[in-house]
Amino acid sequence: MSNPNNHRQPMAGQPVFKLGIDAGSCRFEVRINDVPILRSDVALPFDVEFPVSEWIVRGPNRIAALVLPPPVWDDEGNELEERERFDPAESALRLTLWVKQNGAPRETRQAITTLNFVARDVTPSPSGTEPGEGGWHGSAPAGRFDSRREFMRDDQGGDVMISEVSFERNDEPPHEAFLYRDVGMRSPFPSWAWERGQTITADDQTHAALVAEYERVWGLLQARDEAAIEQLQATKAAEYRIAYHLDDAGLREALPLTDLMQSEDLQLQPLAKDDLELRVFGEGRLARLADGDGDSPIVFVGPGEVGYFVELTYCRTDGGWLLVR
């Protein structure tokens, strides 16, 4: 049974971090420490939470969002950026960094901070002579906060430091807004392998090297080489076990690649190597490949044509490419 006192002190014991994303009438990309968490190229509503413990680092953790107005298309399918505007009544993106104890009820989670963009706050005044207040003012305040007292403001002894929001808005097409803030706190986790990775250059040589790595992994999956797949995932598995406090059963559920490979109901699809995009992120320390839809080129297909994409995220070390997520 979990200790109820830990529910009030969620950064102690076995904390789990999640990022809540509540959005409407806008396109966006949300990142934490320059790692993409969710991107939407359509202006549909979202109300979701993503676990982000494996991206929490020692030192400032940056929450960032790029927000764009809903798209406008002509009859030929061309985007009309000059006509795109945020809806003052509807366009909004609200991010919440949550923490709670592993296994504790969801209602015990506590908000560390928020980062909000609300379009109505950046609508110019009726006179047109003064700008609006700025779409970030609905965000939680900056300052120092005490995680041991439900993140109450404590400018003297608080252990979590929240920066002011940095905000930029482009008045020219595509009229995007960019905002971020830093969360300074003691990470309960060790330094992750990807934090120590070498800087990755987004060039043809890197692209070719990663294509070769994906080909190797595809071959292991095709051969159903369980030992090699477990070795491939060794670093990822060890760090997921720490980040989410997993036992063996929980780890197998979190990393189902072996089960996908062994399933008789799933078929590994041919590896489509053409037109793959190299994506470098995590301040230049992480890389993956994506097809034209933004998905991994390695995919299993099951009954009903349901696809199970195998996402591979690498860092580069002295020993070569290392699968870390």
C-alpha atoms as a PDB file:
ATOM      1  CA  MET A   1       0.000   0.000   0.000  1.00  0.00           C
ATOM      2  CA  SER A   2       1.346   3.419  -0.921  1.00  0.00           C
ATOM      3  CA  ASN A   3       2.093   5.968   1.769  1.00  0.00           C
ATOM      4  CA  PRO A   4      -0.573   8.717   1.732  1.00  0.00           C
ATOM      5  CA  ASN A   5       2.052  11.227   2.899  1.00  0.00           C
ATOM      6  CA  ASN A   6       3.888  10.684  -0.386  1.00  0.00           C
ATOM      7  CA  HIS A   7       0.748  11.751  -2.229  1.00  0.00           C
ATOM      8  CA  ARG A   8       1.305  15.180  -0.709  1.00  0.00           C
ATOM      9  CA  GLN A   9       5.029  15.037  -1.474  1.00  0.00           C
ATOM     10  CA  PRO A  10       4.997  13.629  -5.006  1.00  0.00           C
ATOM     11  CA  MET A  11       8.645  14.410  -5.796  1.00  0.00           C
ATOM     12  CA  ALA A  12       9.788  11.954  -3.102  1.00  0.00           C
ATOM     13  CA  GLY A  13       9.610   8.176  -3.361  1.00  0.00           C
ATOM     14  CA  GLN A  14       8.645   7.098  -6.885  1.00  0.00           C
ATOM     15  CA  PRO A  15       7.508  10.143  -8.864  1.00  0.00           C
ATOM     16  CA  VAL A  16       5.987   9.886 -12.332  1.00  0.00           C
ATOM     17  CA  PHE A  17       5.823  12.966 -14.576  1.00  0.00           C
ATOM     18  CA  LYS A  18       3.217  13.634 -17.250  1.00  0.00           C
ATOM     19  CA  LEU A  19       2.555  16.493 -19.621  1.00  0.00           C
ATOM     20  CA  GLY A  20      -1.085  17.406 -20.142  1.00  0.00           C
ATOM     21  CA  ILE A  21      -2.046  18.965 -23.488  1.00  0.00           C
ATOM     22  CA  ASP A  22      -5.388  20.723 -23.886  1.00  0.00           C
ATOM     23  CA  ALA A  23      -5.834  22.384 -27.273  1.00  0.00           C
ATOM     24  CA  GLY A  24      -8.473  23.704 -29.615  1.00  0.00           C
ATOM     25  CA  SER A  25      -8.681  25.584 -32.925  1.00  0.00           C
ATOM     26  CA  CYS A  26      -4.929  25.651 -33.510  1.00  0.00           C
ATOM     27  CA  ARG A  27      -2.058  23.620 -34.881  1.00  0.00           C
ATOM     28  CA  PHE A  28       0.903  23.029 -32.602  1.00  0.00           C
ATOM     29  CA  GLU A  29       4.070  21.207 -31.696  1.00  0.00           C
ATOM     30  CA  VAL A  30       4.868  20.625 -28.031  1.00  0.00           C
ATOM     31  CA  ARG A  31       8.352  19.770 -26.786  1.00  0.00           C
ATOM     32  CA  ILE A  32      10.052  19.122 -23.491  1.00  0.00           C
ATOM     33  CA  ASN A  33      13.825  19.617 -23.470  1.00  0.00           C
ATOM     34  CA  ASP A  34      13.584  19.900 -27.270  1.00  0.00           C
ATOM     35  CA  VAL A  35      12.032  16.422 -27.529  1.00  0.00           C
ATOM     36  CA  PRO A  36       8.787  16.316 -29.563  1.00  0.00           C
ATOM     37  CA  ILE A  37       5.885  15.138 -27.404  1.00  0.00           C
ATOM     38  CA  LEU A  38       2.921  15.848 -29.682  1.00  0.00           C
ATOM     39  CA  ARG A  39       2.403  17.575 -33.006  1.00  0.00           C
ATOM     40  CA  SER A  40      -0.906  18.361 -34.681  1.00  0.00           C
ATOM     41  CA  ASP A  41      -1.167  19.695 -38.231  1.00  0.00           C
ATOM     42  CA  VAL A  42      -4.956  19.915 -37.968  1.00  0.00           C
ATOM     43  CA  ALA A  43      -6.913  22.211 -35.694  1.00  0.00           C
ATOM     44  CA  LEU A  44      -8.803  19.459 -33.877  1.00  0.00           C
ATOM     45  CA  PRO A  45      -9.424  19.558 -30.111  1.00  0.00           C
ATOM     46  CA  PHE A  46      -7.035  17.632 -27.851  1.00  0.00           C
ATOM     47  CA  ASP A  47      -7.205  16.745 -24.170  1.00  0.00           C
ATOM     48  CA  VAL A  48      -4.482  14.186 -23.503  1.00  0.00           C
ATOM     49  CA  GLU A  49      -1.619  13.368 -21.148  1.00  0.00           C
ATOM     50  CA  PHE A  50       1.746  11.900 -22.066  1.00  0.00           C
ATOM     51  CA  PRO A  51       4.247  10.298 -19.678  1.00  0.00           C
ATOM     52  CA  VAL A  52       7.498  12.259 -19.878  1.00  0.00           C
ATOM     53  CA  SER A  53       9.611  10.880 -17.023  1.00  0.00           C
ATOM     54  CA  GLU A  54      12.234   9.554 -19.457  1.00  0.00           C
ATOM     55  CA  TRP A  55      12.832  13.124 -20.677  1.00  0.00           C
ATOM     56  CA  ILE A  56      13.176  14.787 -17.247  1.00  0.00           C
ATOM     57  CA  VAL A  57      16.771  15.869 -16.612  1.00  0.00           C
ATOM     58  CA  ARG A  58      18.863  17.304 -13.821  1.00  0.00           C
ATOM     59  CA  GLY A  59      18.827  21.057 -14.238  1.00  0.00           C
ATOM     60  CA  PRO A  60      16.331  23.233 -16.077  1.00  0.00           C
ATOM     61  CA  ASN A  61      13.616  21.355 -17.952  1.00  0.00           C
ATOM     62  CA  ARG A  62      12.237  23.435 -20.812  1.00  0.00           C
ATOM     63  CA  ILE A  63       8.579  23.204 -21.835  1.00  0.00           C
ATOM     64  CA  ALA A  64       8.021  24.777 -25.245  1.00  0.00           C
ATOM     65  CA  ALA A  65       5.242  25.155 -27.793  1.00  0.00           C
ATOM     66  CA  LEU A  66       4.975  26.390 -31.360  1.00  0.00           C
ATOM     67  CA  VAL A  67       1.364  27.372 -32.085  1.00  0.00           C
ATOM     68  CA  LEU A  68      -0.145  28.152 -35.496  1.00  0.00           C
ATOM     69  CA  PRO A  69      -3.646  29.213 -36.582  1.00  0.00           C
ATOM     70  CA  PRO A  70      -6.054  26.730 -38.164  1.00  0.00           C
ATOM     71  CA  PRO A  71      -5.171  26.067 -41.817  1.00  0.00           C
ATOM     72  CA  VAL A  72      -7.011  27.678 -44.733  1.00  0.00           C
ATOM     73  CA  TRP A  73      -7.018  25.951 -48.130  1.00  0.00           C
ATOM     74  CA  ASP A  74      -8.161  26.966 -51.586  1.00  0.00           C
ATOM     75  CA  ASP A  75     -10.102  24.688 -53.933  1.00  0.00           C
ATOM     76  CA  GLU A  76      -6.874  23.244 -55.341  1.00  0.00           C
ATOM     77  CA  GLY A  77      -5.570  22.266 -51.904  1.00  0.00           C
ATOM     78  CA  ASN A  78      -3.046  25.076 -51.583  1.00  0.00           C
ATOM     79  CA  GLU A  79      -2.550  26.550 -48.130  1.00  0.00           C
ATOM     80  CA  LEU A  80      -3.431  30.248 -47.896  1.00  0.00           C
ATOM     81  CA  GLU A  81      -1.156  31.410 -45.076  1.00  0.00           C
ATOM     82  CA  GLU A  82      -2.010  35.075 -45.590  1.00  0.00           C
ATOM     83  CA  ARG A  83      -5.642  34.340 -44.641  1.00  0.00           C
ATOM     84  CA  GLU A  84      -4.898  32.251 -41.559  1.00  0.00           C
ATOM     85  CA  ARG A  85      -5.679  33.782 -38.178  1.00  0.00           C
ATOM     86  CA  PHE A  86      -6.260  32.526 -34.650  1.00  0.00           C
ATOM     87  CA  ASP A  87      -9.888  32.441 -33.539  1.00  0.00           C
ATOM     88  CA  PRO A  88     -10.045  34.935 -30.619  1.00  0.00           C
ATOM     89  CA  ALA A  89     -12.816  32.946 -28.949  1.00  0.00           C
ATOM     90  CA  GLU A  90     -11.534  29.394 -29.514  1.00  0.00           C
ATOM     91  CA  SER A  91      -7.805  29.145 -30.277  1.00  0.00           C
ATOM     92  CA  ALA A  92      -5.890  28.006 -27.198  1.00  0.00           C
ATOM     93  CA  LEU A  93      -3.164  25.617 -26.075  1.00  0.00           C
ATOM     94  CA  ARG A  94      -2.750  24.793 -22.385  1.00  0.00           C
ATOM     95  CA  LEU A  95       0.121  22.665 -21.106  1.00  0.00           C
ATOM     96  CA  THR A  96       0.401  21.293 -17.574  1.00  0.00           C
ATOM     97  CA  LEU A  97       3.411  19.496 -16.112  1.00  0.00           C
ATOM     98  CA  TRP A  98       2.012  17.024 -13.585  1.00  0.00           C
ATOM     99  CA  VAL A  99       3.669  14.782 -11.018  1.00  0.00           C
ATOM    100  CA  LYS A 100       2.299  12.047  -8.806  1.00  0.00           C
ATOM    101  CA  GLN A 101       3.513   8.981  -7.000  1.00  0.00           C
ATOM    102  CA  ASN A 102       3.771   5.761  -8.955  1.00  0.00           C
ATOM    103  CA  GLY A 103       0.620   3.727  -8.399  1.00  0.00           C
ATOM    104  CA  ALA A 104      -1.219   6.542  -6.638  1.00  0.00           C
ATOM    105  CA  PRO A 105      -4.718   7.539  -7.773  1.00  0.00           C
ATOM    106  CA  ARG A 106      -4.856  10.063 -10.606  1.00  0.00           C
ATOM    107  CA  GLU A 107      -6.631  12.593  -8.399  1.00  0.00           C
ATOM    108  CA  THR A 108      -3.515  12.825  -6.197  1.00  0.00           C
ATOM    109  CA  ARG A 109      -1.444  14.325  -9.019  1.00  0.00           C
ATOM    110  CA  GLN A 110      -0.170  17.852  -8.532  1.00  0.00           C
ATOM    111  CA  ALA A 111       0.526  20.549 -11.108  1.00  0.00           C
ATOM    112  CA  ILE A 112       4.133  21.748 -11.086  1.00  0.00           C
ATOM    113  CA  THR A 113       3.426  24.551 -13.547  1.00  0.00           C
ATOM    114  CA  THR A 114       1.509  25.462 -16.688  1.00  0.00           C
ATOM    115  CA  LEU A 115       2.309  27.073 -20.030  1.00  0.00           C
ATOM    116  CA  ASN A 116      -0.718  28.543 -21.791  1.00  0.00           C
ATOM    117  CA  PHE A 117      -1.403  30.299 -25.062  1.00  0.00           C
ATOM    118  CA  VAL A 118      -4.863  31.851 -25.392  1.00  0.00           C
ATOM    119  CA  ALA A 119      -5.555  33.778 -28.588  1.00  0.00           C
ATOM    120  CA  ARG A 120      -8.023  36.222 -27.097  1.00  0.00           C
ATOM    121  CA  ASP A 121      -5.241  37.627 -24.918  1.00  0.00           C
ATOM    122  CA  VAL A 122      -3.238  38.703 -27.949  1.00  0.00           C
ATOM    123  CA  THR A 123      -6.095  40.262 -29.889  1.00  0.00           C
ATOM    124  CA  PRO A 124      -5.315  43.960 -30.472  1.00  0.00           C
ATOM    125  CA  SER A 125      -7.386  46.531 -28.642  1.00  0.00           C
ATOM    126  CA  PRO A 126     -10.422  47.973 -30.502  1.00  0.00           C
ATOM    127  CA  SER A 127      -8.519  51.162 -31.220  1.00  0.00           C
ATOM    128  CA  GLY A 128      -5.812  49.134 -32.891  1.00  0.00           C
ATOM    129  CA  THR A 129      -3.150  51.288 -31.221  1.00  0.00           C
ATOM    130  CA  GLU A 130      -2.169  48.950 -28.400  1.00  0.00           C
ATOM    131  CA  PRO A 131      -1.404  45.244 -28.441  1.00  0.00           C
ATOM    132  CA  GLY A 132      -3.213  42.760 -26.270  1.00  0.00           C
ATOM    133  CA  GLU A 133      -1.806  41.577 -22.976  1.00  0.00           C
ATOM    134  CA  GLY A 134      -0.047  38.595 -24.485  1.00  0.00           C
ATOM    135  CA  GLY A 135      -1.316  35.058 -24.852  1.00  0.00           C
ATOM    136  CA  TRP A 136       0.853  33.646 -22.075  1.00  0.00           C
ATOM    137  CA  HIS A 137      -0.632  35.563 -19.144  1.00  0.00           C
ATOM    138  CA  GLY A 138      -2.907  32.675 -18.253  1.00  0.00           C
ATOM    139  CA  SER A 139       0.159  30.598 -17.396  1.00  0.00           C
ATOM    140  CA  ALA A 140       1.032  29.829 -13.787  1.00  0.00           C
ATOM    141  CA  PRO A 141       3.232  32.480 -12.156  1.00  0.00           C
ATOM    142  CA  ALA A 142       7.012  32.377 -12.071  1.00  0.00           C
ATOM    143  CA  GLY A 143       8.910  32.003  -8.800  1.00  0.00           C
ATOM    144  CA  ARG A 144      10.051  29.378  -6.332  1.00  0.00           C
ATOM    145  CA  PHE A 145       7.671  26.702  -5.121  1.00  0.00           C
ATOM    146  CA  ASP A 146       7.827  23.985  -2.463  1.00  0.00           C
ATOM    147  CA  SER A 147       7.095  20.483  -3.756  1.00  0.00           C
ATOM    148  CA  ARG A 148       6.779  19.271  -0.149  1.00  0.00           C
ATOM    149  CA  ARG A 149       3.824  21.592   0.432  1.00  0.00           C
ATOM    150  CA  GLU A 150       1.783  21.007  -2.732  1.00  0.00           C
ATOM    151  CA  PHE A 151       3.893  23.478  -4.715  1.00  0.00           C
ATOM    152  CA  MET A 152       3.001  26.468  -2.582  1.00  0.00           C
ATOM    153  CA  ARG A 153       4.883  29.673  -3.384  1.00  0.00           C
ATOM    154  CA  ASP A 154       8.053  29.932  -1.282  1.00  0.00           C
ATOM    155  CA  ASP A 155      10.580  32.423  -2.602  1.00  0.00           C
ATOM    156  CA  GLN A 156      13.034  31.593   0.185  1.00  0.00           C
ATOM    157  CA  GLY A 157      13.043  27.811   0.545  1.00  0.00           C
ATOM    158  CA  GLY A 158      11.201  26.486  -2.503  1.00  0.00           C
ATOM    159  CA  ASP A 159      12.918  23.583  -4.254  1.00  0.00           C
ATOM    160  CA  VAL A 160      11.303  24.149  -7.680  1.00  0.00           C
ATOM    161  CA  MET A 161      12.108  27.275  -9.686  1.00  0.00           C
ATOM    162  CA  ILE A 162       9.750  28.324 -12.471  1.00  0.00           C
ATOM    163  CA  SER A 163      10.983  30.907 -14.967  1.00  0.00           C
ATOM    164  CA  GLU A 164       8.989  33.660 -16.581  1.00  0.00           C
ATOM    165  CA  VAL A 165       7.387  32.775 -19.884  1.00  0.00           C
ATOM    166  CA  SER A 166       9.273  33.777 -23.018  1.00  0.00           C
ATOM    167  CA  PHE A 167       6.855  34.658 -25.808  1.00  0.00           C
ATOM    168  CA  GLU A 168       7.207  35.611 -29.454  1.00  0.00           C
ATOM    169  CA  ARG A 169       4.502  36.154 -32.034  1.00  0.00           C
ATOM    170  CA  ASN A 170       4.853  36.678 -35.762  1.00  0.00           C
ATOM    171  CA  ASP A 171       2.457  39.252 -37.195  1.00  0.00           C
ATOM    172  CA  GLU A 172       3.329  38.076 -40.715  1.00  0.00           C
ATOM    173  CA  PRO A 173       2.205  34.780 -42.286  1.00  0.00           C
ATOM    174  CA  PRO A 174       2.120  32.086 -40.977  1.00  0.00           C
ATOM    175  CA  HIS A 175       1.242  34.101 -37.836  1.00  0.00           C
ATOM    176  CA  GLU A 176       2.760  31.549 -35.475  1.00  0.00           C
ATOM    177  CA  ALA A 177       3.440  32.039 -31.772  1.00  0.00           C
ATOM    178  CA  PHE A 178       6.333  30.489 -29.850  1.00  0.00           C
ATOM    179  CA  LEU A 179       6.518  30.287 -26.065  1.00  0.00           C
ATOM    180  CA  TYR A 180       8.527  28.427 -23.478  1.00  0.00           C
ATOM    181  CA  ARG A 181       9.499  28.361 -19.832  1.00  0.00           C
ATOM    182  CA  ASP A 182      12.060  26.510 -17.717  1.00  0.00           C
ATOM    183  CA  VAL A 183      11.409  24.346 -14.685  1.00  0.00           C
ATOM    184  CA  GLY A 184      14.406  24.072 -12.387  1.00  0.00           C
ATOM    185  CA  MET A 185      14.175  21.115 -10.023  1.00  0.00           C
ATOM    186  CA  ARG A 186      16.204  18.236  -8.678  1.00  0.00           C
ATOM    187  CA  SER A 187      15.611  15.293 -10.947  1.00  0.00           C
ATOM    188  CA  PRO A 188      14.909  12.061  -9.051  1.00  0.00           C
ATOM    189  CA  PHE A 189      16.513  10.172 -11.931  1.00  0.00           C
ATOM    190  CA  PRO A 190      20.140   9.581 -12.910  1.00  0.00           C
ATOM    191  CA  SER A 191      21.672  11.243 -15.919  1.00  0.00           C
ATOM    192  CA  TRP A 192      20.222   9.510 -18.990  1.00  0.00           C
ATOM    193  CA  ALA A 193      22.470   8.037 -21.673  1.00  0.00           C
ATOM    194  CA  TRP A 194      21.116  10.452 -24.294  1.00  0.00           C
ATOM    195  CA  GLU A 195      22.227  13.430 -22.195  1.00  0.00           C
ATOM    196  CA  ARG A 196      25.815  12.305 -22.696  1.00  0.00           C
ATOM    197  CA  GLY A 197      25.400  11.724 -26.414  1.00  0.00           C
ATOM    198  CA  GLN A 198      27.557  13.423 -29.021  1.00  0.00           C
ATOM    199  CA  THR A 199      26.234  16.256 -31.151  1.00  0.00           C
ATOM    200  CA  ILE A 200      24.501  14.837 -34.229  1.00  0.00           C
ATOM    201  CA  THR A 201      24.853  16.653 -37.529  1.00  0.00           C
ATOM    202  CA  ALA A 202      21.764  16.610 -39.745  1.00  0.00           C
ATOM    203  CA  ASP A 203      23.509  15.742 -43.005  1.00  0.00           C
ATOM    204  CA  ASP A 204      23.521  13.048 -45.693  1.00  0.00           C
ATOM    205  CA  GLN A 205      26.129  10.991 -43.860  1.00  0.00           C
ATOM    206  CA  THR A 206      24.007  10.834 -40.721  1.00  0.00           C
ATOM    207  CA  HIS A 207      20.928  10.022 -42.801  1.00  0.00           C
ATOM    208  CA  ALA A 208      22.697   7.127 -44.504  1.00  0.00           C
ATOM    209  CA  ALA A 209      24.059   5.799 -41.211  1.00  0.00           C
ATOM    210  CA  LEU A 210      20.617   5.770 -39.620  1.00  0.00           C
ATOM    211  CA  VAL A 211      19.034   4.112 -42.659  1.00  0.00           C
ATOM    212  CA  ALA A 212      21.615   1.351 -42.264  1.00  0.00           C
ATOM    213  CA  GLU A 213      20.749   1.067 -38.572  1.00  0.00           C
ATOM    214  CA  TYR A 214      17.032   0.779 -39.345  1.00  0.00           C
ATOM    215  CA  GLU A 215      17.828  -1.891 -41.940  1.00  0.00           C
ATOM    216  CA  ARG A 216      19.743  -3.836 -39.304  1.00  0.00           C
ATOM    217  CA  VAL A 217      16.871  -3.657 -36.826  1.00  0.00           C
ATOM    218  CA  TRP A 218      14.364  -4.624 -39.511  1.00  0.00           C
ATOM    219  CA  GLY A 219      16.479  -7.676 -40.298  1.00  0.00           C
ATOM    220  CA  LEU A 220      16.546  -8.715 -36.634  1.00  0.00           C
ATOM    221  CA  LEU A 221      12.768  -8.412 -36.449  1.00  0.00           C
ATOM    222  CA  GLN A 222      12.323 -10.355 -39.681  1.00  0.00           C
ATOM    223  CA  ALA A 223      14.547 -13.124 -38.273  1.00  0.00           C
ATOM    224  CA  ARG A 224      12.696 -12.979 -34.926  1.00  0.00           C
ATOM    225  CA  ASP A 225      16.047 -12.809 -33.165  1.00  0.00           C
ATOM    226  CA  GLU A 226      14.831 -12.305 -29.600  1.00  0.00           C
ATOM    227  CA  ALA A 227      18.301 -12.235 -28.008  1.00  0.00           C
ATOM    228  CA  ALA A 228      19.520  -9.569 -30.412  1.00  0.00           C
ATOM    229  CA  ILE A 229      16.385  -7.454 -29.902  1.00  0.00           C
ATOM    230  CA  GLU A 230      16.765  -7.640 -26.132  1.00  0.00           C
ATOM    231  CA  GLN A 231      20.401  -6.568 -26.470  1.00  0.00           C
ATOM    232  CA  LEU A 232      19.338  -3.740 -28.791  1.00  0.00           C
ATOM    233  CA  GLN A 233      16.874  -2.472 -26.172  1.00  0.00           C
ATOM    234  CA  ALA A 234      19.149  -2.949 -23.148  1.00  0.00           C
ATOM    235  CA  THR A 235      19.791   0.744 -22.459  1.00  0.00           C
ATOM    236  CA  LYS A 236      16.200   1.735 -23.207  1.00  0.00           C
ATOM    237  CA  ALA A 237      14.865  -1.024 -20.955  1.00  0.00           C
ATOM    238  CA  ALA A 238      17.176  -0.155 -18.069  1.00  0.00           C
ATOM    239  CA  GLU A 239      16.205   3.530 -18.209  1.00  0.00           C
ATOM    240  CA  TYR A 240      12.469   2.860 -18.617  1.00  0.00           C
ATOM    241  CA  ARG A 241      12.624   0.614 -15.555  1.00  0.00           C
ATOM    242  CA  ILE A 242      14.027   3.548 -13.579  1.00  0.00           C
ATOM    243  CA  ALA A 243      11.829   6.270 -15.095  1.00  0.00           C
ATOM    244  CA  TYR A 244       8.552   4.433 -14.475  1.00  0.00           C
ATOM    245  CA  HIS A 245       9.509   2.175 -11.546  1.00  0.00           C
ATOM    246  CA  LEU A 246       8.681  -0.974 -13.505  1.00  0.00           C
ATOM    247  CA  ASP A 247       8.919  -4.629 -12.562  1.00  0.00           C
ATOM    248  CA  ASP A 248       9.560  -7.271 -15.219  1.00  0.00           C
ATOM    249  CA  ALA A 249       5.906  -7.528 -16.226  1.00  0.00           C
ATOM    250  CA  GLY A 250       5.483  -3.774 -16.402  1.00  0.00           C
ATOM    251  CA  LEU A 251       8.639  -3.432 -18.478  1.00  0.00           C
ATOM    252  CA  ARG A 252       7.455  -6.014 -21.007  1.00  0.00           C
ATOM    253  CA  GLU A 253       4.159  -4.145 -21.325  1.00  0.00           C
ATOM    254  CA  ALA A 254       5.956  -0.818 -21.775  1.00  0.00           C
ATOM    255  CA  LEU A 255       8.356  -2.253 -24.380  1.00  0.00           C
ATOM    256  CA  PRO A 256       6.269  -4.717 -26.410  1.00  0.00           C
ATOM    257  CA  LEU A 257       8.667  -5.099 -29.335  1.00  0.00           C
ATOM    258  CA  THR A 258       9.442  -8.754 -28.562  1.00  0.00           C
ATOM    259  CA  ASP A 259       5.740  -9.568 -28.310  1.00  0.00           C
ATOM    260  CA  LEU A 260       5.039  -7.788 -31.609  1.00  0.00           C
ATOM    261  CA  MET A 261       7.826  -9.722 -33.285  1.00  0.00           C
ATOM    262  CA  GLN A 262       6.580 -13.079 -31.998  1.00  0.00           C
ATOM    263  CA  SER A 263       2.884 -12.521 -32.730  1.00  0.00           C
ATOM    264  CA  GLU A 264       1.397 -14.782 -35.391  1.00  0.00           C
ATOM    265  CA  ASP A 265      -1.309 -12.187 -36.064  1.00  0.00           C
ATOM    266  CA  LEU A 266       1.098  -9.447 -37.109  1.00  0.00           C
ATOM    267  CA  GLN A 267       3.050  -9.102 -40.322  1.00  0.00           C
ATOM    268  CA  LEU A 268       6.261  -7.085 -40.532  1.00  0.00           C
ATOM    269  CA  GLN A 269       5.977  -4.821 -43.567  1.00  0.00           C
ATOM    270  CA  PRO A 270       8.795  -4.236 -46.064  1.00  0.00           C
ATOM    271  CA  LEU A 271      11.085  -1.411 -45.033  1.00  0.00           C
ATOM    272  CA  ALA A 272      10.298   1.666 -47.124  1.00  0.00           C
ATOM    273  CA  LYS A 273      13.626   3.500 -47.364  1.00  0.00           C
ATOM    274  CA  ASP A 274      12.681   6.159 -49.906  1.00  0.00           C
ATOM    275  CA  ASP A 275      11.934   9.745 -48.862  1.00  0.00           C
ATOM    276  CA  LEU A 276      12.715   9.226 -45.190  1.00  0.00           C
ATOM    277  CA  GLU A 277      13.225  12.402 -43.195  1.00  0.00           C
ATOM    278  CA  LEU A 278      16.071  12.679 -40.710  1.00  0.00           C
ATOM    279  CA  ARG A 279      14.875  14.360 -37.527  1.00  0.00           C
ATOM    280  CA  VAL A 280      17.462  15.621 -35.038  1.00  0.00           C
ATOM    281  CA  PHE A 281      16.241  16.949 -31.678  1.00  0.00           C
ATOM    282  CA  GLY A 282      17.048  16.935 -27.962  1.00  0.00           C
ATOM    283  CA  GLU A 283      19.417  19.870 -28.490  1.00  0.00           C
ATOM    284  CA  GLY A 284      21.186  17.905 -31.206  1.00  0.00           C
ATOM    285  CA  ARG A 285      21.722  14.724 -29.190  1.00  0.00           C
ATOM    286  CA  LEU A 286      18.871  12.535 -30.495  1.00  0.00           C
ATOM    287  CA  ALA A 287      17.826  11.392 -33.949  1.00  0.00           C
ATOM    288  CA  ARG A 288      15.241   9.236 -35.703  1.00  0.00           C
ATOM    289  CA  LEU A 289      13.829   8.662 -39.173  1.00  0.00           C
ATOM    290  CA  ALA A 290      10.248   9.346 -40.231  1.00  0.00           C
ATOM    291  CA  ASP A 291       8.228   8.730 -43.374  1.00  0.00           C
ATOM    292  CA  GLY A 292       6.031  11.301 -45.114  1.00  0.00           C
ATOM    293  CA  ASP A 293       3.323  10.875 -42.476  1.00  0.00           C
ATOM    294  CA  GLY A 294       5.759  11.374 -39.616  1.00  0.00           C
ATOM    295  CA  ASP A 295       5.731   7.669 -38.667  1.00  0.00           C
ATOM    296  CA  SER A 296       8.513   5.143 -38.265  1.00  0.00           C
ATOM    297  CA  PRO A 297       9.275   3.203 -41.460  1.00  0.00           C
ATOM    298  CA  ILE A 298       9.280  -0.034 -39.424  1.00  0.00           C
ATOM    299  CA  VAL A 299       5.714  -1.212 -38.935  1.00  0.00           C
ATOM    300  CA  PHE A 300       3.769  -4.370 -38.160  1.00  0.00           C
ATOM    301  CA  VAL A 301       0.252  -4.686 -39.563  1.00  0.00           C
ATOM    302  CA  GLY A 302      -2.421  -6.750 -37.867  1.00  0.00           C
ATOM    303  CA  PRO A 303      -6.054  -7.701 -38.412  1.00  0.00           C
ATOM    304  CA  GLY A 304      -8.164  -4.849 -39.702  1.00  0.00           C
ATOM    305  CA  GLU A 305      -5.046  -3.239 -41.226  1.00  0.00           C
ATOM    306  CA  VAL A 306      -4.073  -1.812 -37.830  1.00  0.00           C
ATOM    307  CA  GLY A 307      -0.467  -0.609 -37.874  1.00  0.00           C
ATOM    308  CA  TYR A 308       1.981  -0.923 -34.977  1.00  0.00           C
ATOM    309  CA  PHE A 309       4.877   1.442 -35.629  1.00  0.00           C
ATOM    310  CA  VAL A 310       8.292   0.683 -34.123  1.00  0.00           C
ATOM    311  CA  GLU A 311       9.692   4.039 -33.027  1.00  0.00           C
ATOM    312  CA  LEU A 312      13.477   4.097 -32.752  1.00  0.00           C
ATOM    313  CA  THR A 313      15.314   7.007 -31.156  1.00  0.00           C
ATOM    314  CA  TYR A 314      19.112   7.020 -31.141  1.00  0.00           C
ATOM    315  CA  CYS A 315      21.974   8.933 -29.641  1.00  0.00           C
ATOM    316  CA  ARG A 316      25.562   8.683 -30.851  1.00  0.00           C
ATOM    317  CA  THR A 317      28.425   7.550 -28.637  1.00  0.00           C
ATOM    318  CA  ASP A 318      32.075   6.683 -29.142  1.00  0.00           C
ATOM    319  CA  GLY A 319      30.910   3.127 -29.767  1.00  0.00           C
ATOM    320  CA  GLY A 320      28.419   4.098 -32.465  1.00  0.00           C
ATOM    321  CA  TRP A 321      24.649   4.492 -32.530  1.00  0.00           C
ATOM    322  CA  LEU A 322      22.838   3.613 -29.308  1.00  0.00           C
ATOM    323  CA  LEU A 323      19.093   2.998 -29.128  1.00  0.00           C
ATOM    324  CA  VAL A 324      17.867   4.965 -26.107  1.00  0.00           C
ATOM    325  CA  ARG A 325      14.099   5.363 -26.631  1.00  0.00           C
END
